């Protein structure tokens, strides 16, 4: 909300709206999933990462999490995933996560990074057969797409 001092009027402008929010139920638990598409060709090596989203994208993703906290509380949603989705022409996979320590301290959550094969997603979409994200990434149906199995990092 912007307030103009000259005339005292308040003007509402853009707010925090991620690309996709999915609320689903798994194992009798409600999950709030924030998915934000990023059109980067992230390059990784054993020692470096480049062409990744910048600090503004990362902080905004944490702010999405924080912005929906009251909504989640109101509806009794205790579990959340926060995911960057990168279209690719290669196989779909989880390839990393990102965190900022001072924002992690607020949300207690990293932001997962998942690459999705664009052709595969397009075929599912046009055939009206969109599967859960985790099915596309690795064929599993028993866990959230952004969460590794217990005990894995």
C-alpha atoms as a PDB file:
ATOM      1  CA  UNK A   1       0.000   0.000   0.000  1.00  0.00           C
ATOM      2  CA  UNK A   2       1.419   3.349  -1.068  1.00  0.00           C
ATOM      3  CA  UNK A   3       0.270   6.542   0.632  1.00  0.00           C
ATOM      4  CA  UNK A   4       0.755   9.850  -1.144  1.00  0.00           C
ATOM      5  CA  UNK A   5       1.555  12.565   1.428  1.00  0.00           C
ATOM      6  CA  UNK A   6       0.370  15.414  -0.801  1.00  0.00           C
ATOM      7  CA  UNK A   7      -3.245  14.234  -0.922  1.00  0.00           C
ATOM      8  CA  UNK A   8      -3.311  11.561   1.799  1.00  0.00           C
ATOM      9  CA  UNK A   9      -4.656   8.939  -0.601  1.00  0.00           C
ATOM     10  CA  UNK A  10      -3.647   5.298  -0.335  1.00  0.00           C
ATOM     11  CA  UNK A  11      -3.051   3.280  -3.459  1.00  0.00           C
ATOM     12  CA  UNK A  12      -2.805  -0.503  -3.513  1.00  0.00           C
ATOM     13  CA  UNK A  13      -0.237  -2.013  -5.868  1.00  0.00           C
ATOM     14  CA  UNK A  14       1.108  -5.486  -6.654  1.00  0.00           C
ATOM     15  CA  UNK A  15       1.308  -8.018  -3.871  1.00  0.00           C
ATOM     16  CA  UNK A  16       3.162 -11.289  -3.356  1.00  0.00           C
ATOM     17  CA  UNK A  17       1.634 -13.834  -5.717  1.00  0.00           C
ATOM     18  CA  UNK A  18       3.653 -16.939  -6.583  1.00  0.00           C
ATOM     19  CA  UNK A  19       3.138 -18.742  -9.886  1.00  0.00           C
ATOM     20  CA  UNK A  20       1.282 -21.697  -8.381  1.00  0.00           C
ATOM     21  CA  UNK A  21      -0.066 -22.741  -5.001  1.00  0.00           C
ATOM     22  CA  UNK A  22      -1.304 -26.284  -4.510  1.00  0.00           C
ATOM     23  CA  UNK A  23      -3.001 -27.488  -1.347  1.00  0.00           C
ATOM     24  CA  UNK A  24      -3.214 -31.256  -1.090  1.00  0.00           C
ATOM     25  CA  UNK A  25      -3.700 -33.960   1.475  1.00  0.00           C
ATOM     26  CA  UNK A  26      -1.138 -36.694   2.050  1.00  0.00           C
ATOM     27  CA  UNK A  27      -1.311 -39.219   4.863  1.00  0.00           C
ATOM     28  CA  UNK A  28      -4.174 -37.231   6.423  1.00  0.00           C
ATOM     29  CA  UNK A  29      -1.971 -34.119   6.548  1.00  0.00           C
ATOM     30  CA  UNK A  30      -2.682 -30.901   4.666  1.00  0.00           C
ATOM     31  CA  UNK A  31       0.257 -29.593   2.627  1.00  0.00           C
ATOM     32  CA  UNK A  32       0.672 -26.070   1.269  1.00  0.00           C
ATOM     33  CA  UNK A  33       2.944 -26.130  -1.779  1.00  0.00           C
ATOM     34  CA  UNK A  34       4.421 -22.956  -3.263  1.00  0.00           C
ATOM     35  CA  UNK A  35       5.795 -23.425  -6.773  1.00  0.00           C
ATOM     36  CA  UNK A  36       7.533 -20.598  -8.584  1.00  0.00           C
ATOM     37  CA  UNK A  37       8.864 -21.083 -12.112  1.00  0.00           C
ATOM     38  CA  UNK A  38      12.322 -19.739 -12.842  1.00  0.00           C
ATOM     39  CA  UNK A  39      13.572 -19.484 -16.394  1.00  0.00           C
ATOM     40  CA  UNK A  40      17.278 -19.957 -15.786  1.00  0.00           C
ATOM     41  CA  UNK A  41      19.708 -22.519 -17.107  1.00  0.00           C
ATOM     42  CA  UNK A  42      21.436 -23.263 -13.808  1.00  0.00           C
ATOM     43  CA  UNK A  43      24.910 -24.711 -14.203  1.00  0.00           C
ATOM     44  CA  UNK A  44      26.472 -26.732 -11.410  1.00  0.00           C
ATOM     45  CA  UNK A  45      29.850 -28.335 -10.904  1.00  0.00           C
ATOM     46  CA  UNK A  46      31.479 -29.950  -7.884  1.00  0.00           C
ATOM     47  CA  UNK A  47      32.749 -26.535  -6.780  1.00  0.00           C
ATOM     48  CA  UNK A  48      30.437 -23.906  -8.268  1.00  0.00           C
ATOM     49  CA  UNK A  49      26.947 -22.879  -9.283  1.00  0.00           C
ATOM     50  CA  UNK A  50      26.192 -20.218 -11.873  1.00  0.00           C
ATOM     51  CA  UNK A  51      23.253 -18.695 -13.725  1.00  0.00           C
ATOM     52  CA  UNK A  52      21.043 -19.321 -10.691  1.00  0.00           C
ATOM     53  CA  UNK A  53      18.249 -17.037  -9.418  1.00  0.00           C
ATOM     54  CA  UNK A  54      19.534 -13.993  -7.551  1.00  0.00           C
ATOM     55  CA  UNK A  55      19.027 -12.820  -4.016  1.00  0.00           C
ATOM     56  CA  UNK A  56      15.812 -10.952  -4.937  1.00  0.00           C
ATOM     57  CA  UNK A  57      14.172 -14.187  -6.156  1.00  0.00           C
ATOM     58  CA  UNK A  58      15.294 -16.099  -3.083  1.00  0.00           C
ATOM     59  CA  UNK A  59      14.061 -13.474  -0.624  1.00  0.00           C
ATOM     60  CA  UNK A  60      10.747 -13.206  -2.490  1.00  0.00           C
ATOM     61  CA  UNK A  61      10.292 -16.972  -2.228  1.00  0.00           C
ATOM     62  CA  UNK A  62      10.786 -16.809   1.546  1.00  0.00           C
ATOM     63  CA  UNK A  63       8.322 -13.911   1.674  1.00  0.00           C
ATOM     64  CA  UNK A  64       5.697 -16.034  -0.107  1.00  0.00           C
ATOM     65  CA  UNK A  65       6.081 -18.543   2.702  1.00  0.00           C
ATOM     66  CA  UNK A  66       5.727 -15.850   5.342  1.00  0.00           C
ATOM     67  CA  UNK A  67       2.827 -14.096   3.572  1.00  0.00           C
ATOM     68  CA  UNK A  68       0.663 -17.236   3.665  1.00  0.00           C
ATOM     69  CA  UNK A  69       1.473 -18.168   7.266  1.00  0.00           C
ATOM     70  CA  UNK A  70      -1.804 -16.812   8.707  1.00  0.00           C
ATOM     71  CA  UNK A  71      -3.830 -18.447   5.923  1.00  0.00           C
ATOM     72  CA  UNK A  72      -2.209 -21.766   6.725  1.00  0.00           C
ATOM     73  CA  UNK A  73      -2.823 -21.314  10.440  1.00  0.00           C
ATOM     74  CA  UNK A  74      -6.478 -20.431   9.827  1.00  0.00           C
ATOM     75  CA  UNK A  75      -7.074 -23.615   7.826  1.00  0.00           C
ATOM     76  CA  UNK A  76      -4.927 -25.879  10.011  1.00  0.00           C
ATOM     77  CA  UNK A  77      -2.235 -26.465   7.395  1.00  0.00           C
ATOM     78  CA  UNK A  78       0.974 -27.464   9.161  1.00  0.00           C
ATOM     79  CA  UNK A  79       3.166 -28.658   6.303  1.00  0.00           C
ATOM     80  CA  UNK A  80       4.672 -26.567   3.537  1.00  0.00           C
ATOM     81  CA  UNK A  81       6.988 -26.968   0.593  1.00  0.00           C
ATOM     82  CA  UNK A  82       8.583 -24.056  -1.206  1.00  0.00           C
ATOM     83  CA  UNK A  83       9.979 -24.906  -4.637  1.00  0.00           C
ATOM     84  CA  UNK A  84      11.758 -23.220  -7.525  1.00  0.00           C
ATOM     85  CA  UNK A  85      10.825 -25.019 -10.752  1.00  0.00           C
ATOM     86  CA  UNK A  86      13.210 -24.817 -13.698  1.00  0.00           C
ATOM     87  CA  UNK A  87      12.023 -25.976 -17.147  1.00  0.00           C
ATOM     88  CA  UNK A  88      14.565 -28.166 -18.925  1.00  0.00           C
ATOM     89  CA  UNK A  89      14.975 -30.371 -21.983  1.00  0.00           C
ATOM     90  CA  UNK A  90      16.699 -32.979 -19.820  1.00  0.00           C
ATOM     91  CA  UNK A  91      15.248 -35.442 -17.297  1.00  0.00           C
ATOM     92  CA  UNK A  92      13.127 -34.094 -14.461  1.00  0.00           C
ATOM     93  CA  UNK A  93      14.864 -34.209 -11.076  1.00  0.00           C
ATOM     94  CA  UNK A  94      15.426 -32.519  -7.747  1.00  0.00           C
ATOM     95  CA  UNK A  95      18.857 -30.950  -8.031  1.00  0.00           C
ATOM     96  CA  UNK A  96      19.371 -28.786  -4.990  1.00  0.00           C
ATOM     97  CA  UNK A  97      18.117 -26.324  -2.446  1.00  0.00           C
ATOM     98  CA  UNK A  98      18.898 -22.781  -1.406  1.00  0.00           C
ATOM     99  CA  UNK A  99      18.674 -20.994   1.922  1.00  0.00           C
ATOM    100  CA  UNK A 100      19.420 -17.678   3.535  1.00  0.00           C
ATOM    101  CA  UNK A 101      20.239 -18.178   7.195  1.00  0.00           C
ATOM    102  CA  UNK A 102      18.413 -15.107   8.501  1.00  0.00           C
ATOM    103  CA  UNK A 103      15.232 -16.021   6.574  1.00  0.00           C
ATOM    104  CA  UNK A 104      15.568 -19.718   7.294  1.00  0.00           C
ATOM    105  CA  UNK A 105      15.428 -18.750  10.974  1.00  0.00           C
ATOM    106  CA  UNK A 106      11.920 -17.351  10.341  1.00  0.00           C
ATOM    107  CA  UNK A 107      10.511 -20.166   8.183  1.00  0.00           C
ATOM    108  CA  UNK A 108      12.680 -23.146   9.229  1.00  0.00           C
ATOM    109  CA  UNK A 109      12.646 -24.214   5.601  1.00  0.00           C
ATOM    110  CA  UNK A 110      14.948 -24.288   2.606  1.00  0.00           C
ATOM    111  CA  UNK A 111      13.751 -23.583  -0.921  1.00  0.00           C
ATOM    112  CA  UNK A 112      13.966 -26.709  -3.034  1.00  0.00           C
ATOM    113  CA  UNK A 113      15.180 -26.626  -6.660  1.00  0.00           C
ATOM    114  CA  UNK A 114      13.544 -28.955  -9.177  1.00  0.00           C
ATOM    115  CA  UNK A 115      14.085 -29.170 -12.922  1.00  0.00           C
ATOM    116  CA  UNK A 116      11.104 -30.381 -14.955  1.00  0.00           C
ATOM    117  CA  UNK A 117      11.269 -31.643 -18.509  1.00  0.00           C
ATOM    118  CA  UNK A 118       9.178 -29.132 -20.455  1.00  0.00           C
ATOM    119  CA  UNK A 119       8.125 -31.614 -23.153  1.00  0.00           C
ATOM    120  CA  UNK A 120       6.958 -34.134 -20.577  1.00  0.00           C
ATOM    121  CA  UNK A 121       4.954 -31.499 -18.697  1.00  0.00           C
ATOM    122  CA  UNK A 122       3.448 -30.169 -21.941  1.00  0.00           C
ATOM    123  CA  UNK A 123       2.315 -33.673 -23.012  1.00  0.00           C
ATOM    124  CA  UNK A 124       0.702 -34.262 -19.622  1.00  0.00           C
ATOM    125  CA  UNK A 125      -1.013 -30.879 -19.795  1.00  0.00           C
ATOM    126  CA  UNK A 126      -2.488 -31.242 -23.300  1.00  0.00           C
ATOM    127  CA  UNK A 127      -3.673 -34.787 -22.549  1.00  0.00           C
ATOM    128  CA  UNK A 128      -5.324 -33.499 -19.347  1.00  0.00           C
ATOM    129  CA  UNK A 129      -3.218 -35.954 -17.353  1.00  0.00           C
ATOM    130  CA  UNK A 130      -1.243 -33.652 -15.064  1.00  0.00           C
ATOM    131  CA  UNK A 131       0.232 -35.822 -12.352  1.00  0.00           C
ATOM    132  CA  UNK A 132       1.470 -34.828  -8.977  1.00  0.00           C
ATOM    133  CA  UNK A 133       4.811 -33.067  -9.310  1.00  0.00           C
ATOM    134  CA  UNK A 134       6.653 -35.853  -7.514  1.00  0.00           C
ATOM    135  CA  UNK A 135       5.376 -38.413 -10.028  1.00  0.00           C
ATOM    136  CA  UNK A 136       6.896 -36.379 -12.825  1.00  0.00           C
ATOM    137  CA  UNK A 137      10.171 -35.842 -10.991  1.00  0.00           C
ATOM    138  CA  UNK A 138      10.825 -39.413  -9.911  1.00  0.00           C
ATOM    139  CA  UNK A 139       7.757 -41.588 -10.177  1.00  0.00           C
ATOM    140  CA  UNK A 140       6.983 -41.657  -6.483  1.00  0.00           C
ATOM    141  CA  UNK A 141       3.484 -40.981  -5.210  1.00  0.00           C
ATOM    142  CA  UNK A 142       4.060 -41.372  -1.489  1.00  0.00           C
ATOM    143  CA  UNK A 143       5.841 -38.120  -0.674  1.00  0.00           C
ATOM    144  CA  UNK A 144       5.773 -34.459  -1.422  1.00  0.00           C
ATOM    145  CA  UNK A 145       7.779 -33.422  -4.522  1.00  0.00           C
ATOM    146  CA  UNK A 146      10.049 -31.050  -2.678  1.00  0.00           C
ATOM    147  CA  UNK A 147      10.798 -33.259   0.291  1.00  0.00           C
ATOM    148  CA  UNK A 148      13.389 -36.002   0.149  1.00  0.00           C
ATOM    149  CA  UNK A 149      12.621 -39.225   1.951  1.00  0.00           C
ATOM    150  CA  UNK A 150      13.227 -39.173   5.674  1.00  0.00           C
ATOM    151  CA  UNK A 151      16.902 -39.342   6.464  1.00  0.00           C
ATOM    152  CA  UNK A 152      18.000 -37.960   3.089  1.00  0.00           C
ATOM    153  CA  UNK A 153      19.381 -34.462   2.514  1.00  0.00           C
END
